[in-house]
Amino acid sequence: MEARLIFSLPDDQMEFNRANQSLDMACALFDISQLRKAMERKFESYIDTPEWSSVVDFMGDEIAGILDEHNINIDKLIE
């Protein structure tokens, strides 16, 4: 199977940029989705406090919600 994207530049410059940087965006989204794990490693001594758990859970849930809202499945974008 083959697919081609054709852009009429400069009129379609934004669309071209989006398609051209899609892997970079997918990698950035993957890194953002992994923030919970990075925070847990960096602030390991605070993990057992109830406040910390609430903050980390809230952040992780919000990131997951945003990705879901935009129908982004990181597993389908990153190997």
PDB file of N, CA and C in Angstrom:
ATOM      1  N   MET A   1       0.843  -1.158   0.000  1.00  0.00           N
ATOM      2  CA  MET A   1       0.000   0.000   0.000  1.00  0.00           C
ATOM      3  C   MET A   1       0.899   1.235   0.000  1.00  0.00           C
ATOM      4  N   GLU A   2       0.456   2.233  -0.681  1.00  0.00           N
ATOM      5  CA  GLU A   2       1.208   3.478  -0.757  1.00  0.00           C
ATOM      6  C   GLU A   2       0.260   4.646  -0.556  1.00  0.00           C
ATOM      7  N   ALA A   3       0.739   5.653   0.125  1.00  0.00           N
ATOM      8  CA  ALA A   3      -0.062   6.864   0.334  1.00  0.00           C
ATOM      9  C   ALA A   3       0.828   8.072   0.074  1.00  0.00           C
ATOM     10  N   ARG A   4       0.251   9.074  -0.505  1.00  0.00           N
ATOM     11  CA  ARG A   4       0.991  10.308  -0.782  1.00  0.00           C
ATOM     12  C   ARG A   4       0.198  11.491  -0.246  1.00  0.00           C
ATOM     13  N   LEU A   5       0.915  12.389   0.352  1.00  0.00           N
ATOM     14  CA  LEU A   5       0.323  13.637   0.807  1.00  0.00           C
ATOM     15  C   LEU A   5       0.839  14.732  -0.118  1.00  0.00           C
ATOM     16  N   ILE A   6      -0.062  15.499  -0.659  1.00  0.00           N
ATOM     17  CA  ILE A   6       0.326  16.565  -1.576  1.00  0.00           C
ATOM     18  C   ILE A   6      -0.112  17.892  -0.972  1.00  0.00           C
ATOM     19  N   PHE A   7       0.825  18.821  -0.918  1.00  0.00           N
ATOM     20  CA  PHE A   7       0.563  20.129  -0.349  1.00  0.00           C
ATOM     21  C   PHE A   7       0.819  21.199  -1.406  1.00  0.00           C
ATOM     22  N   SER A   8      -0.008  22.207  -1.383  1.00  0.00           N
ATOM     23  CA  SER A   8       0.171  23.355  -2.258  1.00  0.00           C
ATOM     24  C   SER A   8       0.813  24.464  -1.426  1.00  0.00           C
ATOM     25  N   LEU A   9       2.144  24.549  -1.523  1.00  0.00           N
ATOM     26  CA  LEU A   9       2.876  25.532  -0.717  1.00  0.00           C
ATOM     27  C   LEU A   9       2.962  26.847  -1.480  1.00  0.00           C
ATOM     28  N   PRO A  10       2.893  27.958  -0.856  1.00  0.00           N
ATOM     29  CA  PRO A  10       2.887  28.204   0.585  1.00  0.00           C
ATOM     30  C   PRO A  10       1.502  28.182   1.210  1.00  0.00           C
ATOM     31  N   ASP A  11       0.442  27.993   0.417  1.00  0.00           N
ATOM     32  CA  ASP A  11      -0.919  28.035   0.965  1.00  0.00           C
ATOM     33  C   ASP A  11      -1.160  26.981   2.045  1.00  0.00           C
ATOM     34  N   ASP A  12      -0.589  25.814   1.885  1.00  0.00           N
ATOM     35  CA  ASP A  12      -0.795  24.706   2.829  1.00  0.00           C
ATOM     36  C   ASP A  12       0.382  24.530   3.785  1.00  0.00           C
ATOM     37  N   GLN A  13       1.106  25.589   4.060  1.00  0.00           N
ATOM     38  CA  GLN A  13       2.319  25.484   4.878  1.00  0.00           C
ATOM     39  C   GLN A  13       2.036  24.898   6.258  1.00  0.00           C
ATOM     40  N   MET A  14       0.971  25.350   6.926  1.00  0.00           N
ATOM     41  CA  MET A  14       0.672  24.836   8.263  1.00  0.00           C
ATOM     42  C   MET A  14       0.364  23.338   8.217  1.00  0.00           C
ATOM     43  N   GLU A  15      -0.418  22.910   7.255  1.00  0.00           N
ATOM     44  CA  GLU A  15      -0.736  21.488   7.115  1.00  0.00           C
ATOM     45  C   GLU A  15       0.532  20.678   6.841  1.00  0.00           C
ATOM     46  N   PHE A  16       1.417  21.220   6.002  1.00  0.00           N
ATOM     47  CA  PHE A  16       2.694  20.559   5.710  1.00  0.00           C
ATOM     48  C   PHE A  16       3.523  20.436   6.987  1.00  0.00           C
ATOM     49  N   ASN A  17       3.608  21.527   7.751  1.00  0.00           N
ATOM     50  CA  ASN A  17       4.385  21.497   8.996  1.00  0.00           C
ATOM     51  C   ASN A  17       3.830  20.462   9.967  1.00  0.00           C
ATOM     52  N   ARG A  18       2.524  20.379  10.080  1.00  0.00           N
ATOM     53  CA  ARG A  18       1.903  19.399  10.982  1.00  0.00           C
ATOM     54  C   ARG A  18       2.241  17.973  10.569  1.00  0.00           C
ATOM     55  N   ALA A  19       2.128  17.691   9.288  1.00  0.00           N
ATOM     56  CA  ALA A  19       2.442  16.342   8.798  1.00  0.00           C
ATOM     57  C   ALA A  19       3.933  16.042   8.953  1.00  0.00           C
ATOM     58  N   ASN A  20       4.752  17.028   8.664  1.00  0.00           N
ATOM     59  CA  ASN A  20       6.199  16.854   8.703  1.00  0.00           C
ATOM     60  C   ASN A  20       6.713  16.648  10.126  1.00  0.00           C
ATOM     61  N   GLN A  21       6.065  17.243  11.104  1.00  0.00           N
ATOM     62  CA  GLN A  21       6.519  17.149  12.485  1.00  0.00           C
ATOM     63  C   GLN A  21       5.683  16.187  13.320  1.00  0.00           C
ATOM     64  N   SER A  22       4.911  15.344  12.689  1.00  0.00           N
ATOM     65  CA  SER A  22       4.027  14.451  13.437  1.00  0.00           C
ATOM     66  C   SER A  22       4.797  13.489  14.346  1.00  0.00           C
ATOM     67  N   LEU A  23       5.946  12.985  13.901  1.00  0.00           N
ATOM     68  CA  LEU A  23       6.722  12.095  14.765  1.00  0.00           C
ATOM     69  C   LEU A  23       7.250  12.860  15.973  1.00  0.00           C
ATOM     70  N   ASP A  24       7.726  14.079  15.759  1.00  0.00           N
ATOM     71  CA  ASP A  24       8.199  14.889  16.884  1.00  0.00           C
ATOM     72  C   ASP A  24       7.077  15.133  17.880  1.00  0.00           C
ATOM     73  N   MET A  25       5.883  15.420  17.369  1.00  0.00           N
ATOM     74  CA  MET A  25       4.745  15.647  18.258  1.00  0.00           C
ATOM     75  C   MET A  25       4.385  14.375  19.008  1.00  0.00           C
ATOM     76  N   ALA A  26       4.428  13.243  18.334  1.00  0.00           N
ATOM     77  CA  ALA A  26       4.118  11.975  18.989  1.00  0.00           C
ATOM     78  C   ALA A  26       5.133  11.677  20.087  1.00  0.00           C
ATOM     79  N   CYS A  27       6.408  11.945  19.821  1.00  0.00           N
ATOM     80  CA  CYS A  27       7.442  11.725  20.835  1.00  0.00           C
ATOM     81  C   CYS A  27       7.247  12.658  22.025  1.00  0.00           C
ATOM     82  N   ALA A  28       6.900  13.908  21.751  1.00  0.00           N
ATOM     83  CA  ALA A  28       6.654  14.856  22.839  1.00  0.00           C
ATOM     84  C   ALA A  28       5.465  14.405  23.682  1.00  0.00           C
ATOM     85  N   LEU A  29       4.403  13.953  23.038  1.00  0.00           N
ATOM     86  CA  LEU A  29       3.238  13.469  23.777  1.00  0.00           C
ATOM     87  C   LEU A  29       3.584  12.248  24.617  1.00  0.00           C
ATOM     88  N   PHE A  30       4.409  11.372  24.093  1.00  0.00           N
ATOM     89  CA  PHE A  30       4.840  10.207  24.858  1.00  0.00           C
ATOM     90  C   PHE A  30       5.601  10.651  26.103  1.00  0.00           C
ATOM     91  N   ASP A  31       6.528  11.591  25.931  1.00  0.00           N
ATOM     92  CA  ASP A  31       7.291  12.094  27.079  1.00  0.00           C
ATOM     93  C   ASP A  31       6.372  12.734  28.109  1.00  0.00           C
ATOM     94  N   ILE A  32       5.398  13.502  27.657  1.00  0.00           N
ATOM     95  CA  ILE A  32       4.444  14.131  28.570  1.00  0.00           C
ATOM     96  C   ILE A  32       3.653  13.070  29.324  1.00  0.00           C
ATOM     97  N   SER A  33       3.262  12.013  28.612  1.00  0.00           N
ATOM     98  CA  SER A  33       2.478  10.957  29.267  1.00  0.00           C
ATOM     99  C   SER A  33       3.301  10.188  30.299  1.00  0.00           C
ATOM    100  N   GLN A  34       4.616  10.279  30.216  1.00  0.00           N
ATOM    101  CA  GLN A  34       5.502   9.589  31.155  1.00  0.00           C
ATOM    102  C   GLN A  34       5.922  10.466  32.338  1.00  0.00           C
ATOM    103  N   LEU A  35       5.383  11.678  32.429  1.00  0.00           N
ATOM    104  CA  LEU A  35       5.770  12.592  33.506  1.00  0.00           C
ATOM    105  C   LEU A  35       5.538  12.023  34.893  1.00  0.00           C
ATOM    106  N   ARG A  36       4.480  11.268  35.061  1.00  0.00           N
ATOM    107  CA  ARG A  36       4.179  10.700  36.380  1.00  0.00           C
ATOM    108  C   ARG A  36       5.352   9.853  36.870  1.00  0.00           C
ATOM    109  N   LYS A  37       5.874   9.000  36.008  1.00  0.00           N
ATOM    110  CA  LYS A  37       6.995   8.137  36.397  1.00  0.00           C
ATOM    111  C   LYS A  37       8.247   8.966  36.687  1.00  0.00           C
ATOM    112  N   ALA A  38       8.490   9.985  35.873  1.00  0.00           N
ATOM    113  CA  ALA A  38       9.663  10.833  36.090  1.00  0.00           C
ATOM    114  C   ALA A  38       9.556  11.582  37.419  1.00  0.00           C
ATOM    115  N   MET A  39       8.374  12.076  37.736  1.00  0.00           N
ATOM    116  CA  MET A  39       8.183  12.780  39.004  1.00  0.00           C
ATOM    117  C   MET A  39       8.373  11.836  40.185  1.00  0.00           C
ATOM    118  N   GLU A  40       7.882  10.624  40.060  1.00  0.00           N
ATOM    119  CA  GLU A  40       8.038   9.660  41.143  1.00  0.00           C
ATOM    120  C   GLU A  40       9.517   9.355  41.396  1.00  0.00           C
ATOM    121  N   ARG A  41      10.300   9.257  40.332  1.00  0.00           N
ATOM    122  CA  ARG A  41      11.736   8.991  40.496  1.00  0.00           C
ATOM    123  C   ARG A  41      12.452  10.193  41.115  1.00  0.00           C
ATOM    124  N   LYS A  42      12.117  11.393  40.645  1.00  0.00           N
ATOM    125  CA  LYS A  42      12.814  12.586  41.102  1.00  0.00           C
ATOM    126  C   LYS A  42      12.478  12.941  42.551  1.00  0.00           C
ATOM    127  N   PHE A  43      11.217  12.759  42.936  1.00  0.00           N
ATOM    128  CA  PHE A  43      10.769  13.154  44.261  1.00  0.00           C
ATOM    129  C   PHE A  43      10.400  11.936  45.100  1.00  0.00           C
ATOM    130  N   GLU A  44      11.226  10.924  45.029  1.00  0.00           N
ATOM    131  CA  GLU A  44      10.955   9.640  45.677  1.00  0.00           C
ATOM    132  C   GLU A  44      10.666   9.765  47.172  1.00  0.00           C
ATOM    133  N   SER A  45      11.340  10.685  47.856  1.00  0.00           N
ATOM    134  CA  SER A  45      11.163  10.794  49.309  1.00  0.00           C
ATOM    135  C   SER A  45       9.801  11.369  49.696  1.00  0.00           C
ATOM    136  N   TYR A  46       9.085  11.971  48.760  1.00  0.00           N
ATOM    137  CA  TYR A  46       7.780  12.561  49.049  1.00  0.00           C
ATOM    138  C   TYR A  46       6.606  11.662  48.668  1.00  0.00           C
ATOM    139  N   ILE A  47       6.888  10.565  48.029  1.00  0.00           N
ATOM    140  CA  ILE A  47       5.842   9.739  47.435  1.00  0.00           C
ATOM    141  C   ILE A  47       4.822   9.237  48.448  1.00  0.00           C
ATOM    142  N   ASP A  48       5.238   8.952  49.658  1.00  0.00           N
ATOM    143  CA  ASP A  48       4.324   8.348  50.629  1.00  0.00           C
ATOM    144  C   ASP A  48       3.361   9.334  51.291  1.00  0.00           C
ATOM    145  N   THR A  49       3.470  10.603  50.981  1.00  0.00           N
ATOM    146  CA  THR A  49       2.558  11.574  51.586  1.00  0.00           C
ATOM    147  C   THR A  49       1.247  11.607  50.804  1.00  0.00           C
ATOM    148  N   PRO A  50       0.127  11.797  51.490  1.00  0.00           N
ATOM    149  CA  PRO A  50      -1.172  11.837  50.804  1.00  0.00           C
ATOM    150  C   PRO A  50      -1.264  12.974  49.782  1.00  0.00           C
ATOM    151  N   GLU A  51      -0.653  14.108  50.105  1.00  0.00           N
ATOM    152  CA  GLU A  51      -0.700  15.239  49.189  1.00  0.00           C
ATOM    153  C   GLU A  51      -0.002  14.913  47.879  1.00  0.00           C
ATOM    154  N   TRP A  52       1.152  14.290  47.991  1.00  0.00           N
ATOM    155  CA  TRP A  52       1.922  13.934  46.800  1.00  0.00           C
ATOM    156  C   TRP A  52       1.139  12.984  45.916  1.00  0.00           C
ATOM    157  N   SER A  53       0.580  11.983  46.524  1.00  0.00           N
ATOM    158  CA  SER A  53      -0.196  11.002  45.768  1.00  0.00           C
ATOM    159  C   SER A  53      -1.339  11.678  45.024  1.00  0.00           C
ATOM    160  N   SER A  54      -2.008  12.610  45.672  1.00  0.00           N
ATOM    161  CA  SER A  54      -3.117  13.318  45.033  1.00  0.00           C
ATOM    162  C   SER A  54      -2.644  14.149  43.846  1.00  0.00           C
ATOM    163  N   VAL A  55      -1.513  14.827  44.005  1.00  0.00           N
ATOM    164  CA  VAL A  55      -0.981  15.670  42.926  1.00  0.00           C
ATOM    165  C   VAL A  55      -0.583  14.816  41.724  1.00  0.00           C
ATOM    166  N   VAL A  56       0.144  13.761  41.977  1.00  0.00           N
ATOM    167  CA  VAL A  56       0.608  12.902  40.888  1.00  0.00           C
ATOM    168  C   VAL A  56      -0.570  12.239  40.185  1.00  0.00           C
ATOM    169  N   ASP A  57      -1.517  11.738  40.949  1.00  0.00           N
ATOM    170  CA  ASP A  57      -2.692  11.107  40.343  1.00  0.00           C
ATOM    171  C   ASP A  57      -3.487  12.106  39.514  1.00  0.00           C
ATOM    172  N   PHE A  58      -3.661  13.323  40.034  1.00  0.00           N
ATOM    173  CA  PHE A  58      -4.399  14.343  39.312  1.00  0.00           C
ATOM    174  C   PHE A  58      -3.705  14.671  37.989  1.00  0.00           C
ATOM    175  N   MET A  59      -2.387  14.886  38.041  1.00  0.00           N
ATOM    176  CA  MET A  59      -1.644  15.223  36.833  1.00  0.00           C
ATOM    177  C   MET A  59      -1.737  14.098  35.796  1.00  0.00           C
ATOM    178  N   GLY A  60      -1.526  12.886  36.235  1.00  0.00           N
ATOM    179  CA  GLY A  60      -1.599  11.754  35.319  1.00  0.00           C
ATOM    180  C   GLY A  60      -2.976  11.595  34.706  1.00  0.00           C
ATOM    181  N   ASP A  61      -3.996  11.750  35.519  1.00  0.00           N
ATOM    182  CA  ASP A  61      -5.363  11.626  35.015  1.00  0.00           C
ATOM    183  C   ASP A  61      -5.701  12.738  34.034  1.00  0.00           C
ATOM    184  N   GLU A  62      -5.229  13.953  34.305  1.00  0.00           N
ATOM    185  CA  GLU A  62      -5.494  15.078  33.407  1.00  0.00           C
ATOM    186  C   GLU A  62      -4.803  14.876  32.061  1.00  0.00           C
ATOM    187  N   ILE A  63      -3.557  14.430  32.082  1.00  0.00           N
ATOM    188  CA  ILE A  63      -2.831  14.177  30.830  1.00  0.00           C
ATOM    189  C   ILE A  63      -3.542  13.088  30.041  1.00  0.00           C
ATOM    190  N   ALA A  64      -3.912  12.005  30.703  1.00  0.00           N
ATOM    191  CA  ALA A  64      -4.619  10.914  30.024  1.00  0.00           C
ATOM    192  C   ALA A  64      -5.941  11.400  29.456  1.00  0.00           C
ATOM    193  N   GLY A  65      -6.644  12.249  30.201  1.00  0.00           N
ATOM    194  CA  GLY A  65      -7.918  12.787  29.732  1.00  0.00           C
ATOM    195  C   GLY A  65      -7.758  13.648  28.489  1.00  0.00           C
ATOM    196  N   ILE A  66      -6.722  14.471  28.470  1.00  0.00           N
ATOM    197  CA  ILE A  66      -6.469  15.322  27.303  1.00  0.00           C
ATOM    198  C   ILE A  66      -6.152  14.467  26.082  1.00  0.00           C
ATOM    199  N   LEU A  67      -5.319  13.456  26.254  1.00  0.00           N
ATOM    200  CA  LEU A  67      -4.991  12.575  25.130  1.00  0.00           C
ATOM    201  C   LEU A  67      -6.238  11.850  24.636  1.00  0.00           C
ATOM    202  N   ASP A  68      -7.051  11.351  25.557  1.00  0.00           N
ATOM    203  CA  ASP A  68      -8.288  10.665  25.177  1.00  0.00           C
ATOM    204  C   ASP A  68      -9.251  11.608  24.456  1.00  0.00           C
ATOM    205  N   GLU A  69      -9.348  12.831  24.955  1.00  0.00           N
ATOM    206  CA  GLU A  69     -10.245  13.820  24.357  1.00  0.00           C
ATOM    207  C   GLU A  69      -9.904  14.085  22.894  1.00  0.00           C
ATOM    208  N   HIS A  70      -8.615  13.963  22.575  1.00  0.00           N
ATOM    209  CA  HIS A  70      -8.164  14.198  21.208  1.00  0.00           C
ATOM    210  C   HIS A  70      -7.938  12.898  20.433  1.00  0.00           C
ATOM    211  N   ASN A  71      -8.442  11.797  20.986  1.00  0.00           N
ATOM    212  CA  ASN A  71      -8.332  10.479  20.341  1.00  0.00           C
ATOM    213  C   ASN A  71      -6.890  10.106  20.016  1.00  0.00           C
ATOM    214  N   ILE A  72      -5.995  10.394  20.947  1.00  0.00           N
ATOM    215  CA  ILE A  72      -4.582  10.074  20.751  1.00  0.00           C
ATOM    216  C   ILE A  72      -4.243   8.845  21.574  1.00  0.00           C
ATOM    217  N   ASN A  73      -3.813   7.804  20.884  1.00  0.00           N
ATOM    218  CA  ASN A  73      -3.369   6.581  21.529  1.00  0.00           C
ATOM    219  C   ASN A  73      -1.862   6.498  21.315  1.00  0.00           C
ATOM    220  N   ILE A  74      -1.090   6.812  22.350  1.00  0.00           N
ATOM    221  CA  ILE A  74       0.367   6.853  22.253  1.00  0.00           C
ATOM    222  C   ILE A  74       0.932   5.522  21.761  1.00  0.00           C
ATOM    223  N   ASP A  75       0.337   4.409  22.182  1.00  0.00           N
ATOM    224  CA  ASP A  75       0.840   3.099  21.778  1.00  0.00           C
ATOM    225  C   ASP A  75       0.766   2.888  20.274  1.00  0.00           C
ATOM    226  N   LYS A  76      -0.141   3.578  19.591  1.00  0.00           N
ATOM    227  CA  LYS A  76      -0.242   3.454  18.142  1.00  0.00           C
ATOM    228  C   LYS A  76       0.712   4.395  17.414  1.00  0.00           C
ATOM    229  N   LEU A  77       1.376   5.294  18.162  1.00  0.00           N
ATOM    230  CA  LEU A  77       2.263   6.279  17.545  1.00  0.00           C
ATOM    231  C   LEU A  77       3.737   6.015  17.783  1.00  0.00           C
ATOM    232  N   ILE A  78       4.059   5.352  18.876  1.00  0.00           N
ATOM    233  CA  ILE A  78       5.455   5.117  19.270  1.00  0.00           C
ATOM    234  C   ILE A  78       5.684   3.617  19.390  1.00  0.00           C
ATOM    235  N   GLU A  79       6.813   3.167  18.856  1.00  0.00           N
ATOM    236  CA  GLU A  79       7.144   1.739  18.969  1.00  0.00           C
ATOM    237  C   GLU A  79       7.858   1.474  20.261  1.00  0.00           C
TER     238      GLU A  79
END
